[in-house]
Amino acid sequence: MPPQQPQNAQSQNIPPQMNHGGHEIFDLHEIIAGMINVLDQYMMFRLFIKDPELLDILDRQYRFILDQYNITCECFTTGKDPSHPTQSYKMTQSHDVVYGIKPTQPKKPNQSIMEIQDKGISAHMLGLIKSTASLLTMTSVEVTNPVVRRVLADSVPNFIEMAYEIFLYQNKHQYYQVPQLAPNDMNQMTNSYVPFTGQPQMPNPGQMNGYQR
C-alpha cells in the first residue's frame, strides 16, 4: 500500500497529483459530475428546440462547457497546468434589456412531453448554468491546489456570461419579463446609500478585552 502522508505535510513537499485536500476532492467530484449533468441535459434539450437562435446558443455553450470539463479533469488528475488555458466565452446576444410586463397565460406543468417549448427549455438551461456558476464560485475559494483553483476561478466569469446570454434571449422573447419600480420608488432606492468619506476610527486590537467580565 502507498505510504500515508504525514499529517503535517506541506504542499510543496507533495507531488502535484496528490496536492489536494480531502474537502477539495469531494467538491471537485461534485463539480465534474455537475458538468457532465449539464452536458447530458443540453444533449437531451436539443431534441425539443425549435428556434434556430436558441439551438445556436445551446451548441456554442455545449462546446465551451465540454472544453472546460476536459481541462478541469486534466488539471484535477495531474495537479499541473492543463494543455491550454481557460478560454473566454463570447456571447452573441445584444445587451439591450426590454423592461415592462405584458399579459401572458398563467404557467402550469406540461401535461405531456409534446407541450415542451423553447420557453421551458431556455429556463432549464438558465437554471443549470446559474447553479454551476454558484458551485464553481463556492468551491474555488477553498481549493488547495493552486492550478485547480485558478482553472475553477477563471471559469466563473464564463458561466456568468453564458447565464446572462440565456437571460437576454429569454427577455427578448418575453419569456423572462423585467418589471421596474415606479420612478419615485426607484429614485428613493437608488439613492439610499452614499459613499463613505473621512477617516474610519478603527479600534485597537484587543481594545474590548478590558470591558469583558
N, C-alpha and C. Protein backbone atom coordinates (compact mmCIF):
# COMPACT_ATOMS: atom_id res chain seq x y z
N MET A 1 0.84 -1.19 0.00
CA MET A 1 0.00 0.00 0.00
C MET A 1 0.88 1.25 0.00
N PRO A 2 0.45 2.34 -0.65
CA PRO A 2 1.26 3.56 -0.68
C PRO A 2 1.40 4.13 0.71
N PRO A 3 2.54 4.73 1.00
CA PRO A 3 2.73 5.30 2.34
C PRO A 3 1.76 6.44 2.59
N GLN A 4 1.31 6.54 3.82
CA GLN A 4 0.41 7.63 4.20
C GLN A 4 1.19 8.93 4.31
N GLN A 5 0.57 10.03 3.86
CA GLN A 5 1.19 11.32 4.01
C GLN A 5 1.16 11.72 5.48
N PRO A 6 2.24 12.27 6.02
CA PRO A 6 2.19 12.74 7.40
C PRO A 6 1.16 13.84 7.56
N GLN A 7 0.62 13.92 8.75
CA GLN A 7 -0.46 14.87 8.99
C GLN A 7 -0.02 16.32 8.80
N ASN A 8 1.27 16.60 8.99
CA ASN A 8 1.74 17.97 8.89
C ASN A 8 2.52 18.23 7.61
N ALA A 9 2.26 17.41 6.55
CA ALA A 9 2.97 17.61 5.28
C ALA A 9 2.62 18.95 4.68
N GLN A 10 3.60 19.63 4.12
CA GLN A 10 3.37 20.90 3.45
C GLN A 10 3.18 20.67 1.96
N SER A 11 2.39 21.53 1.32
CA SER A 11 2.00 21.30 -0.07
C SER A 11 3.20 21.23 -1.01
N GLN A 12 4.28 22.00 -0.71
CA GLN A 12 5.42 22.00 -1.62
C GLN A 12 6.19 20.68 -1.58
N ASN A 13 5.93 19.86 -0.57
CA ASN A 13 6.61 18.57 -0.46
C ASN A 13 5.76 17.41 -0.97
N ILE A 14 4.60 17.71 -1.55
CA ILE A 14 3.68 16.68 -2.03
C ILE A 14 3.67 16.69 -3.55
N PRO A 15 3.69 15.54 -4.22
CA PRO A 15 3.61 15.51 -5.69
C PRO A 15 2.36 16.24 -6.17
N PRO A 16 2.42 16.93 -7.33
CA PRO A 16 1.27 17.73 -7.79
C PRO A 16 -0.04 16.95 -7.86
N GLN A 17 0.02 15.69 -8.32
CA GLN A 17 -1.22 14.92 -8.47
C GLN A 17 -1.85 14.55 -7.11
N MET A 18 -1.06 14.68 -6.03
CA MET A 18 -1.57 14.38 -4.69
C MET A 18 -1.81 15.65 -3.88
N ASN A 19 -1.59 16.79 -4.49
CA ASN A 19 -1.72 18.07 -3.78
C ASN A 19 -3.18 18.51 -3.75
N HIS A 20 -3.99 17.76 -3.03
CA HIS A 20 -5.41 18.05 -2.89
C HIS A 20 -5.83 17.75 -1.45
N GLY A 21 -6.60 18.64 -0.87
CA GLY A 21 -7.21 18.34 0.41
C GLY A 21 -8.42 17.45 0.24
N GLY A 22 -8.80 16.77 1.31
CA GLY A 22 -9.95 15.87 1.23
C GLY A 22 -11.24 16.58 0.84
N HIS A 23 -11.46 17.74 1.45
CA HIS A 23 -12.65 18.52 1.12
C HIS A 23 -12.67 18.89 -0.36
N GLU A 24 -11.49 19.24 -0.87
CA GLU A 24 -11.37 19.61 -2.28
C GLU A 24 -11.71 18.44 -3.20
N ILE A 25 -11.27 17.24 -2.84
CA ILE A 25 -11.53 16.05 -3.66
C ILE A 25 -13.03 15.86 -3.84
N PHE A 26 -13.77 15.94 -2.74
CA PHE A 26 -15.21 15.74 -2.83
C PHE A 26 -15.89 16.85 -3.63
N ASP A 27 -15.44 18.09 -3.42
CA ASP A 27 -16.03 19.21 -4.16
C ASP A 27 -15.76 19.09 -5.66
N LEU A 28 -14.54 18.68 -6.02
CA LEU A 28 -14.22 18.55 -7.44
C LEU A 28 -15.03 17.43 -8.09
N HIS A 29 -15.27 16.35 -7.36
CA HIS A 29 -16.13 15.30 -7.89
C HIS A 29 -17.53 15.85 -8.16
N GLU A 30 -18.02 16.69 -7.25
CA GLU A 30 -19.34 17.29 -7.44
C GLU A 30 -19.36 18.21 -8.65
N ILE A 31 -18.30 19.01 -8.82
CA ILE A 31 -18.24 19.94 -9.94
C ILE A 31 -18.15 19.19 -11.27
N ILE A 32 -17.25 18.22 -11.35
CA ILE A 32 -17.06 17.50 -12.61
C ILE A 32 -18.31 16.69 -12.96
N ALA A 33 -18.92 16.05 -11.97
CA ALA A 33 -20.17 15.33 -12.22
C ALA A 33 -21.27 16.31 -12.64
N GLY A 34 -21.26 17.51 -12.05
CA GLY A 34 -22.24 18.52 -12.43
C GLY A 34 -22.08 18.99 -13.87
N MET A 35 -20.83 19.11 -14.32
CA MET A 35 -20.60 19.48 -15.72
C MET A 35 -21.10 18.39 -16.66
N ILE A 36 -20.89 17.13 -16.29
CA ILE A 36 -21.43 16.03 -17.09
C ILE A 36 -22.95 16.13 -17.15
N ASN A 37 -23.55 16.45 -16.03
CA ASN A 37 -25.01 16.58 -15.98
C ASN A 37 -25.50 17.67 -16.91
N VAL A 38 -24.80 18.82 -16.92
CA VAL A 38 -25.19 19.91 -17.82
C VAL A 38 -25.05 19.47 -19.27
N LEU A 39 -23.93 18.83 -19.61
CA LEU A 39 -23.70 18.39 -20.99
C LEU A 39 -24.75 17.38 -21.43
N ASP A 40 -25.07 16.43 -20.56
CA ASP A 40 -26.07 15.42 -20.91
C ASP A 40 -27.45 16.05 -21.11
N GLN A 41 -27.81 16.99 -20.24
CA GLN A 41 -29.12 17.62 -20.37
C GLN A 41 -29.18 18.52 -21.59
N TYR A 42 -28.08 19.22 -21.90
CA TYR A 42 -28.05 20.01 -23.13
C TYR A 42 -28.28 19.10 -24.34
N MET A 43 -27.70 17.91 -24.32
CA MET A 43 -27.88 16.98 -25.43
C MET A 43 -29.34 16.57 -25.55
N MET A 44 -29.99 16.35 -24.41
CA MET A 44 -31.42 15.99 -24.43
C MET A 44 -32.27 17.18 -24.87
N PHE A 45 -31.92 18.40 -24.42
CA PHE A 45 -32.70 19.57 -24.81
C PHE A 45 -32.72 19.75 -26.32
N ARG A 46 -31.66 19.34 -26.98
CA ARG A 46 -31.54 19.52 -28.43
C ARG A 46 -32.68 18.85 -29.19
N LEU A 47 -33.27 17.81 -28.59
CA LEU A 47 -34.37 17.09 -29.23
C LEU A 47 -35.63 17.93 -29.33
N PHE A 48 -35.75 18.95 -28.46
CA PHE A 48 -37.01 19.69 -28.36
C PHE A 48 -36.93 21.11 -28.90
N ILE A 49 -35.74 21.64 -29.11
CA ILE A 49 -35.60 23.05 -29.51
C ILE A 49 -36.08 23.26 -30.93
N LYS A 50 -36.86 24.31 -31.11
CA LYS A 50 -37.37 24.67 -32.43
C LYS A 50 -36.72 25.94 -32.98
N ASP A 51 -36.35 26.86 -32.12
CA ASP A 51 -35.79 28.15 -32.53
C ASP A 51 -34.31 27.99 -32.89
N PRO A 52 -33.92 28.28 -34.14
CA PRO A 52 -32.50 28.16 -34.52
C PRO A 52 -31.57 29.02 -33.66
N GLU A 53 -32.06 30.15 -33.19
CA GLU A 53 -31.23 31.02 -32.35
C GLU A 53 -30.91 30.34 -31.01
N LEU A 54 -31.92 29.74 -30.40
CA LEU A 54 -31.69 29.03 -29.14
C LEU A 54 -30.80 27.81 -29.37
N LEU A 55 -30.99 27.14 -30.50
CA LEU A 55 -30.14 25.99 -30.82
C LEU A 55 -28.68 26.41 -30.97
N ASP A 56 -28.45 27.58 -31.56
CA ASP A 56 -27.09 28.08 -31.71
C ASP A 56 -26.46 28.36 -30.34
N ILE A 57 -27.25 28.96 -29.44
CA ILE A 57 -26.76 29.22 -28.08
C ILE A 57 -26.39 27.91 -27.40
N LEU A 58 -27.29 26.94 -27.49
CA LEU A 58 -27.04 25.65 -26.85
C LEU A 58 -25.78 24.99 -27.39
N ASP A 59 -25.62 24.97 -28.71
CA ASP A 59 -24.47 24.28 -29.31
C ASP A 59 -23.17 24.98 -28.94
N ARG A 60 -23.15 26.31 -28.96
CA ARG A 60 -21.93 27.03 -28.61
C ARG A 60 -21.57 26.82 -27.13
N GLN A 61 -22.59 26.86 -26.27
CA GLN A 61 -22.34 26.65 -24.86
C GLN A 61 -21.92 25.20 -24.58
N TYR A 62 -22.51 24.26 -25.29
CA TYR A 62 -22.12 22.86 -25.11
C TYR A 62 -20.64 22.68 -25.42
N ARG A 63 -20.20 23.21 -26.55
CA ARG A 63 -18.79 23.05 -26.94
C ARG A 63 -17.87 23.70 -25.91
N PHE A 64 -18.27 24.86 -25.40
CA PHE A 64 -17.43 25.55 -24.43
C PHE A 64 -17.37 24.77 -23.11
N ILE A 65 -18.52 24.30 -22.63
CA ILE A 65 -18.55 23.55 -21.37
C ILE A 65 -17.78 22.24 -21.50
N LEU A 66 -17.87 21.60 -22.66
CA LEU A 66 -17.13 20.36 -22.87
C LEU A 66 -15.62 20.61 -22.77
N ASP A 67 -15.16 21.71 -23.35
CA ASP A 67 -13.74 22.04 -23.25
C ASP A 67 -13.36 22.35 -21.81
N GLN A 68 -14.23 23.07 -21.10
CA GLN A 68 -13.96 23.37 -19.70
C GLN A 68 -13.93 22.10 -18.87
N TYR A 69 -14.82 21.17 -19.17
CA TYR A 69 -14.81 19.87 -18.49
C TYR A 69 -13.48 19.16 -18.71
N ASN A 70 -13.00 19.17 -19.93
CA ASN A 70 -11.76 18.46 -20.25
C ASN A 70 -10.56 19.03 -19.49
N ILE A 71 -10.41 20.35 -19.48
CA ILE A 71 -9.24 20.90 -18.80
C ILE A 71 -9.38 20.81 -17.28
N THR A 72 -10.62 20.80 -16.78
CA THR A 72 -10.82 20.62 -15.34
C THR A 72 -10.40 19.20 -14.93
N CYS A 73 -10.84 18.22 -15.70
CA CYS A 73 -10.41 16.84 -15.44
C CYS A 73 -8.90 16.72 -15.51
N GLU A 74 -8.32 17.36 -16.50
CA GLU A 74 -6.87 17.24 -16.72
C GLU A 74 -6.08 17.79 -15.54
N CYS A 75 -6.39 19.00 -15.10
CA CYS A 75 -5.62 19.59 -14.01
C CYS A 75 -5.94 18.92 -12.68
N PHE A 76 -7.15 18.40 -12.51
CA PHE A 76 -7.51 17.70 -11.29
C PHE A 76 -6.72 16.39 -11.16
N THR A 77 -6.54 15.70 -12.27
CA THR A 77 -5.82 14.43 -12.25
C THR A 77 -4.32 14.62 -12.09
N THR A 78 -3.76 15.61 -12.78
CA THR A 78 -2.31 15.80 -12.78
C THR A 78 -1.83 16.79 -11.74
N GLY A 79 -2.68 17.72 -11.33
CA GLY A 79 -2.26 18.78 -10.44
C GLY A 79 -1.43 19.84 -11.12
N LYS A 80 -1.32 19.76 -12.43
CA LYS A 80 -0.49 20.68 -13.21
C LYS A 80 -1.35 21.47 -14.19
N ASP A 81 -0.71 22.44 -14.86
CA ASP A 81 -1.42 23.23 -15.85
C ASP A 81 -2.02 22.33 -16.92
N PRO A 82 -3.27 22.59 -17.33
CA PRO A 82 -3.87 21.80 -18.41
C PRO A 82 -3.21 22.12 -19.74
N SER A 83 -3.61 21.39 -20.78
CA SER A 83 -2.98 21.52 -22.10
C SER A 83 -3.19 22.90 -22.71
N HIS A 84 -4.21 23.62 -22.28
CA HIS A 84 -4.39 25.00 -22.72
C HIS A 84 -5.13 25.77 -21.63
N PRO A 85 -4.96 27.08 -21.58
CA PRO A 85 -5.62 27.87 -20.54
C PRO A 85 -7.14 27.90 -20.72
N THR A 86 -7.82 28.35 -19.68
CA THR A 86 -9.26 28.56 -19.77
C THR A 86 -9.56 29.61 -20.83
N GLN A 87 -10.49 29.30 -21.72
CA GLN A 87 -10.88 30.23 -22.77
C GLN A 87 -11.91 31.23 -22.25
N SER A 88 -12.18 32.26 -23.03
CA SER A 88 -13.20 33.25 -22.68
C SER A 88 -14.43 33.03 -23.55
N TYR A 89 -15.58 32.87 -22.90
CA TYR A 89 -16.82 32.65 -23.66
C TYR A 89 -17.30 33.97 -24.26
N LYS A 90 -17.64 33.92 -25.52
CA LYS A 90 -18.13 35.11 -26.23
C LYS A 90 -19.58 34.89 -26.64
N MET A 91 -20.49 35.64 -26.02
CA MET A 91 -21.89 35.51 -26.39
C MET A 91 -22.21 36.42 -27.57
N THR A 92 -23.34 36.18 -28.20
CA THR A 92 -23.73 36.94 -29.38
C THR A 92 -24.97 37.80 -29.16
N GLN A 93 -25.61 37.69 -28.00
CA GLN A 93 -26.82 38.46 -27.74
C GLN A 93 -26.51 39.93 -27.51
N SER A 94 -27.45 40.79 -27.91
CA SER A 94 -27.35 42.21 -27.60
C SER A 94 -27.57 42.41 -26.11
N HIS A 95 -26.91 43.41 -25.54
CA HIS A 95 -27.04 43.67 -24.11
C HIS A 95 -28.29 44.50 -23.78
N ASP A 96 -29.08 44.82 -24.77
CA ASP A 96 -30.30 45.59 -24.52
C ASP A 96 -31.31 44.75 -23.76
N VAL A 97 -31.89 45.32 -22.72
CA VAL A 97 -32.92 44.64 -21.93
C VAL A 97 -34.25 45.35 -22.14
N VAL A 98 -35.30 44.58 -22.36
CA VAL A 98 -36.65 45.12 -22.52
C VAL A 98 -37.32 45.13 -21.15
N TYR A 99 -37.73 46.32 -20.71
CA TYR A 99 -38.40 46.45 -19.42
C TYR A 99 -39.91 46.46 -19.60
N GLY A 100 -40.60 46.04 -18.56
CA GLY A 100 -42.06 46.07 -18.58
C GLY A 100 -42.65 44.68 -18.58
N ILE A 101 -43.92 44.64 -18.22
CA ILE A 101 -44.67 43.39 -18.12
C ILE A 101 -45.83 43.41 -19.10
N LYS A 102 -45.93 42.37 -19.92
CA LYS A 102 -47.06 42.20 -20.81
C LYS A 102 -47.87 40.99 -20.36
N PRO A 103 -49.19 41.03 -20.53
CA PRO A 103 -50.01 39.91 -20.07
C PRO A 103 -49.62 38.61 -20.78
N THR A 104 -49.54 37.53 -20.02
CA THR A 104 -49.25 36.21 -20.57
C THR A 104 -50.18 35.20 -19.90
N GLN A 105 -50.25 34.02 -20.48
CA GLN A 105 -51.04 32.95 -19.88
C GLN A 105 -50.38 32.47 -18.59
N PRO A 106 -51.15 32.16 -17.57
CA PRO A 106 -50.57 31.62 -16.33
C PRO A 106 -49.79 30.34 -16.62
N LYS A 107 -48.72 30.13 -15.88
CA LYS A 107 -47.88 28.95 -16.10
C LYS A 107 -48.43 27.75 -15.33
N LYS A 108 -48.17 26.58 -15.85
CA LYS A 108 -48.53 25.33 -15.19
C LYS A 108 -47.64 24.22 -15.75
N PRO A 109 -47.53 23.10 -15.06
CA PRO A 109 -46.71 21.99 -15.57
C PRO A 109 -47.24 21.48 -16.90
N ASN A 110 -46.35 20.98 -17.73
CA ASN A 110 -46.77 20.39 -19.00
C ASN A 110 -47.58 19.13 -18.76
N GLN A 111 -48.63 18.97 -19.57
CA GLN A 111 -49.46 17.78 -19.45
C GLN A 111 -48.83 16.58 -20.14
N SER A 112 -48.04 16.85 -21.19
CA SER A 112 -47.35 15.78 -21.90
C SER A 112 -46.04 16.31 -22.44
N ILE A 113 -45.19 15.41 -22.89
CA ILE A 113 -43.89 15.80 -23.43
C ILE A 113 -44.03 16.62 -24.71
N MET A 114 -45.16 16.51 -25.37
CA MET A 114 -45.40 17.26 -26.60
C MET A 114 -45.58 18.75 -26.34
N GLU A 115 -45.80 19.15 -25.09
CA GLU A 115 -46.01 20.55 -24.75
C GLU A 115 -44.70 21.29 -24.44
N ILE A 116 -43.59 20.59 -24.44
CA ILE A 116 -42.31 21.22 -24.14
C ILE A 116 -41.97 22.22 -25.24
N GLN A 117 -41.67 23.46 -24.83
CA GLN A 117 -41.41 24.54 -25.78
C GLN A 117 -40.05 25.19 -25.49
N ASP A 118 -39.61 26.06 -26.40
CA ASP A 118 -38.35 26.76 -26.23
C ASP A 118 -38.32 27.58 -24.94
N LYS A 119 -39.46 28.11 -24.54
CA LYS A 119 -39.52 28.89 -23.31
C LYS A 119 -39.07 28.07 -22.12
N GLY A 120 -39.59 26.85 -22.02
CA GLY A 120 -39.23 25.98 -20.90
C GLY A 120 -37.80 25.49 -21.00
N ILE A 121 -37.37 25.14 -22.22
CA ILE A 121 -36.01 24.66 -22.41
C ILE A 121 -35.00 25.72 -22.01
N SER A 122 -35.22 26.96 -22.44
CA SER A 122 -34.28 28.04 -22.09
C SER A 122 -34.26 28.29 -20.59
N ALA A 123 -35.41 28.10 -19.93
CA ALA A 123 -35.46 28.27 -18.47
C ALA A 123 -34.63 27.17 -17.78
N HIS A 124 -34.73 25.94 -18.28
CA HIS A 124 -33.91 24.85 -17.73
C HIS A 124 -32.43 25.14 -17.94
N MET A 125 -32.07 25.63 -19.12
CA MET A 125 -30.68 25.96 -19.40
C MET A 125 -30.17 27.01 -18.43
N LEU A 126 -30.97 28.05 -18.21
CA LEU A 126 -30.57 29.12 -17.31
C LEU A 126 -30.35 28.59 -15.89
N GLY A 127 -31.25 27.75 -15.43
CA GLY A 127 -31.12 27.19 -14.09
C GLY A 127 -29.87 26.35 -13.92
N LEU A 128 -29.55 25.55 -14.93
CA LEU A 128 -28.35 24.70 -14.87
C LEU A 128 -27.08 25.54 -14.82
N ILE A 129 -27.00 26.56 -15.66
CA ILE A 129 -25.79 27.37 -15.73
C ILE A 129 -25.64 28.23 -14.48
N LYS A 130 -26.74 28.76 -13.97
CA LYS A 130 -26.67 29.55 -12.74
C LYS A 130 -26.19 28.70 -11.57
N SER A 131 -26.72 27.51 -11.41
CA SER A 131 -26.31 26.67 -10.30
C SER A 131 -24.86 26.24 -10.42
N THR A 132 -24.40 26.00 -11.66
CA THR A 132 -23.00 25.64 -11.87
C THR A 132 -22.09 26.82 -11.54
N ALA A 133 -22.47 28.02 -11.92
CA ALA A 133 -21.68 29.20 -11.60
C ALA A 133 -21.55 29.37 -10.09
N SER A 134 -22.65 29.15 -9.37
CA SER A 134 -22.61 29.27 -7.90
C SER A 134 -21.70 28.22 -7.29
N LEU A 135 -21.80 26.97 -7.77
CA LEU A 135 -20.98 25.89 -7.23
C LEU A 135 -19.50 26.13 -7.49
N LEU A 136 -19.17 26.59 -8.69
CA LEU A 136 -17.77 26.89 -9.01
C LEU A 136 -17.23 28.00 -8.11
N THR A 137 -18.04 29.01 -7.86
CA THR A 137 -17.61 30.12 -7.01
C THR A 137 -17.35 29.65 -5.59
N MET A 138 -18.30 28.91 -5.03
CA MET A 138 -18.14 28.47 -3.64
C MET A 138 -16.97 27.52 -3.48
N THR A 139 -16.72 26.69 -4.48
CA THR A 139 -15.64 25.71 -4.38
C THR A 139 -14.27 26.35 -4.56
N SER A 140 -14.15 27.28 -5.49
CA SER A 140 -12.83 27.81 -5.84
C SER A 140 -12.17 28.55 -4.69
N VAL A 141 -12.95 29.03 -3.72
CA VAL A 141 -12.33 29.78 -2.61
C VAL A 141 -11.67 28.87 -1.59
N GLU A 142 -11.87 27.55 -1.69
CA GLU A 142 -11.32 26.63 -0.70
C GLU A 142 -10.45 25.54 -1.32
N VAL A 143 -10.12 25.64 -2.60
CA VAL A 143 -9.29 24.63 -3.25
C VAL A 143 -7.83 24.85 -2.86
N THR A 144 -7.15 23.77 -2.49
CA THR A 144 -5.76 23.88 -2.05
C THR A 144 -4.78 23.85 -3.21
N ASN A 145 -5.07 23.06 -4.25
CA ASN A 145 -4.16 23.01 -5.39
C ASN A 145 -4.26 24.31 -6.18
N PRO A 146 -3.17 25.06 -6.34
CA PRO A 146 -3.27 26.39 -6.96
C PRO A 146 -3.68 26.35 -8.42
N VAL A 147 -3.30 25.30 -9.15
CA VAL A 147 -3.67 25.21 -10.57
C VAL A 147 -5.17 24.95 -10.70
N VAL A 148 -5.66 23.99 -9.93
CA VAL A 148 -7.09 23.67 -9.98
C VAL A 148 -7.92 24.87 -9.54
N ARG A 149 -7.45 25.56 -8.50
CA ARG A 149 -8.19 26.73 -8.03
C ARG A 149 -8.28 27.79 -9.13
N ARG A 150 -7.17 28.03 -9.84
CA ARG A 150 -7.18 29.03 -10.89
C ARG A 150 -8.11 28.63 -12.03
N VAL A 151 -8.09 27.35 -12.41
CA VAL A 151 -8.96 26.90 -13.51
C VAL A 151 -10.43 27.08 -13.12
N LEU A 152 -10.78 26.74 -11.89
CA LEU A 152 -12.17 26.90 -11.45
C LEU A 152 -12.54 28.38 -11.38
N ALA A 153 -11.66 29.19 -10.78
CA ALA A 153 -11.96 30.62 -10.63
C ALA A 153 -12.09 31.30 -11.99
N ASP A 154 -11.22 30.93 -12.93
CA ASP A 154 -11.28 31.53 -14.26
C ASP A 154 -12.54 31.13 -15.02
N SER A 155 -13.15 30.02 -14.64
CA SER A 155 -14.34 29.56 -15.35
C SER A 155 -15.61 30.27 -14.87
N VAL A 156 -15.56 30.87 -13.69
CA VAL A 156 -16.76 31.51 -13.13
C VAL A 156 -17.30 32.62 -14.03
N PRO A 157 -16.46 33.58 -14.49
CA PRO A 157 -16.99 34.62 -15.38
C PRO A 157 -17.61 34.06 -16.66
N ASN A 158 -17.09 32.94 -17.13
CA ASN A 158 -17.64 32.34 -18.35
C ASN A 158 -19.05 31.79 -18.12
N PHE A 159 -19.26 31.14 -16.98
CA PHE A 159 -20.60 30.64 -16.69
C PHE A 159 -21.57 31.78 -16.41
N ILE A 160 -21.07 32.86 -15.82
CA ILE A 160 -21.91 34.05 -15.65
C ILE A 160 -22.32 34.60 -17.02
N GLU A 161 -21.36 34.63 -17.93
CA GLU A 161 -21.64 35.15 -19.29
C GLU A 161 -22.65 34.26 -20.01
N MET A 162 -22.53 32.95 -19.87
CA MET A 162 -23.47 32.03 -20.51
C MET A 162 -24.87 32.19 -19.92
N ALA A 163 -24.95 32.34 -18.60
CA ALA A 163 -26.26 32.54 -17.97
C ALA A 163 -26.88 33.86 -18.43
N TYR A 164 -26.06 34.88 -18.53
CA TYR A 164 -26.57 36.18 -18.96
C TYR A 164 -27.04 36.12 -20.41
N GLU A 165 -26.35 35.37 -21.23
CA GLU A 165 -26.76 35.20 -22.62
C GLU A 165 -28.15 34.56 -22.70
N ILE A 166 -28.39 33.55 -21.88
CA ILE A 166 -29.69 32.89 -21.88
C ILE A 166 -30.76 33.84 -21.35
N PHE A 167 -30.43 34.60 -20.30
CA PHE A 167 -31.38 35.59 -19.79
C PHE A 167 -31.77 36.59 -20.86
N LEU A 168 -30.78 37.10 -21.60
CA LEU A 168 -31.07 38.08 -22.65
C LEU A 168 -31.94 37.48 -23.75
N TYR A 169 -31.67 36.24 -24.09
CA TYR A 169 -32.51 35.55 -25.09
C TYR A 169 -33.94 35.45 -24.58
N GLN A 170 -34.10 35.03 -23.33
CA GLN A 170 -35.44 34.90 -22.76
C GLN A 170 -36.15 36.25 -22.69
N ASN A 171 -35.41 37.26 -22.29
CA ASN A 171 -36.02 38.58 -22.18
C ASN A 171 -36.48 39.10 -23.54
N LYS A 172 -35.68 38.89 -24.57
CA LYS A 172 -36.02 39.34 -25.91
C LYS A 172 -37.30 38.70 -26.42
N HIS A 173 -37.53 37.46 -26.01
CA HIS A 173 -38.72 36.73 -26.46
C HIS A 173 -39.86 36.78 -25.44
N GLN A 174 -39.71 37.65 -24.44
CA GLN A 174 -40.74 37.86 -23.40
C GLN A 174 -40.96 36.61 -22.55
N TYR A 175 -39.97 35.71 -22.52
CA TYR A 175 -40.05 34.57 -21.62
C TYR A 175 -39.65 35.00 -20.20
N TYR A 176 -38.79 35.99 -20.10
CA TYR A 176 -38.28 36.49 -18.83
C TYR A 176 -38.52 37.99 -18.84
N GLN A 177 -39.65 38.40 -18.26
CA GLN A 177 -40.01 39.82 -18.27
C GLN A 177 -39.43 40.52 -17.05
N VAL A 178 -39.08 41.78 -17.24
CA VAL A 178 -38.37 42.54 -16.21
C VAL A 178 -39.19 43.77 -15.83
N PRO A 179 -39.87 43.71 -14.69
CA PRO A 179 -40.61 44.90 -14.25
C PRO A 179 -39.66 45.93 -13.67
N GLN A 180 -40.13 47.17 -13.61
CA GLN A 180 -39.39 48.25 -12.96
C GLN A 180 -40.25 48.88 -11.87
N LEU A 181 -39.60 49.46 -10.88
CA LEU A 181 -40.32 50.21 -9.86
C LEU A 181 -40.81 51.53 -10.44
N ALA A 182 -41.78 52.12 -9.77
CA ALA A 182 -42.22 53.47 -10.15
C ALA A 182 -41.02 54.42 -10.01
N PRO A 183 -40.96 55.46 -10.87
CA PRO A 183 -39.78 56.36 -10.85
C PRO A 183 -39.43 56.89 -9.47
N ASN A 184 -40.43 57.33 -8.69
CA ASN A 184 -40.15 57.87 -7.36
C ASN A 184 -39.57 56.79 -6.44
N ASP A 185 -40.12 55.58 -6.52
CA ASP A 185 -39.62 54.49 -5.69
C ASP A 185 -38.19 54.11 -6.10
N MET A 186 -37.95 54.06 -7.40
CA MET A 186 -36.62 53.71 -7.87
C MET A 186 -35.61 54.76 -7.44
N ASN A 187 -35.97 56.03 -7.56
CA ASN A 187 -35.08 57.11 -7.15
C ASN A 187 -34.76 57.02 -5.67
N GLN A 188 -35.77 56.69 -4.87
CA GLN A 188 -35.56 56.55 -3.43
C GLN A 188 -34.63 55.39 -3.11
N MET A 189 -34.82 54.28 -3.79
CA MET A 189 -34.00 53.09 -3.54
C MET A 189 -32.57 53.28 -4.02
N THR A 190 -32.39 53.87 -5.19
CA THR A 190 -31.04 54.01 -5.74
C THR A 190 -30.22 55.08 -5.02
N ASN A 191 -30.90 55.93 -4.26
CA ASN A 191 -30.18 56.96 -3.51
C ASN A 191 -30.19 56.69 -2.00
N SER A 192 -30.42 55.44 -1.63
CA SER A 192 -30.48 55.08 -0.22
C SER A 192 -29.10 54.99 0.42
N TYR A 193 -28.05 54.93 -0.38
CA TYR A 193 -26.69 54.81 0.13
C TYR A 193 -25.81 55.88 -0.50
N VAL A 194 -24.85 56.34 0.27
CA VAL A 194 -23.90 57.34 -0.24
C VAL A 194 -22.49 56.84 0.06
N PRO A 195 -21.50 57.27 -0.71
CA PRO A 195 -20.12 56.87 -0.44
C PRO A 195 -19.65 57.36 0.93
N PHE A 196 -18.77 56.60 1.53
CA PHE A 196 -18.18 56.97 2.82
C PHE A 196 -17.05 57.96 2.59
N THR A 197 -17.03 59.00 3.38
CA THR A 197 -15.93 59.98 3.31
C THR A 197 -15.32 60.12 4.70
N GLY A 198 -14.12 60.64 4.74
CA GLY A 198 -13.45 60.81 6.02
C GLY A 198 -12.56 59.63 6.35
N GLN A 199 -12.10 59.57 7.58
CA GLN A 199 -11.18 58.54 8.03
C GLN A 199 -11.86 57.66 9.06
N PRO A 200 -11.97 56.36 8.81
CA PRO A 200 -12.60 55.48 9.82
C PRO A 200 -11.76 55.40 11.09
N GLN A 201 -12.40 55.35 12.22
CA GLN A 201 -11.71 55.24 13.50
C GLN A 201 -11.67 53.76 13.89
N MET A 202 -10.64 53.07 13.43
CA MET A 202 -10.51 51.65 13.69
C MET A 202 -10.10 51.41 15.14
N PRO A 203 -10.74 50.45 15.82
CA PRO A 203 -10.35 50.17 17.21
C PRO A 203 -8.99 49.49 17.27
N ASN A 204 -8.31 49.64 18.39
CA ASN A 204 -7.05 48.96 18.59
C ASN A 204 -7.28 47.47 18.85
N PRO A 205 -6.38 46.60 18.39
CA PRO A 205 -6.54 45.16 18.66
C PRO A 205 -6.63 44.90 20.16
N GLY A 206 -7.62 44.09 20.54
CA GLY A 206 -7.79 43.74 21.95
C GLY A 206 -8.39 44.83 22.80
N GLN A 207 -8.87 45.90 22.16
CA GLN A 207 -9.37 47.03 22.93
C GLN A 207 -10.54 46.65 23.82
N MET A 208 -11.35 45.69 23.39
CA MET A 208 -12.53 45.33 24.17
C MET A 208 -12.23 44.37 25.30
N ASN A 209 -11.01 43.83 25.34
CA ASN A 209 -10.70 42.87 26.41
C ASN A 209 -10.89 43.45 27.78
N GLY A 210 -10.58 44.72 27.94
CA GLY A 210 -10.72 45.34 29.27
C GLY A 210 -12.15 45.51 29.71
N TYR A 211 -13.09 45.39 28.74
CA TYR A 211 -14.51 45.55 29.09
C TYR A 211 -15.20 44.21 29.33
N GLN A 212 -14.48 43.12 29.06
CA GLN A 212 -15.09 41.81 29.24
C GLN A 212 -15.08 41.42 30.71
N ARG A 213 -16.13 40.78 31.14
CA ARG A 213 -16.25 40.38 32.56
C ARG A 213 -16.27 38.85 32.63
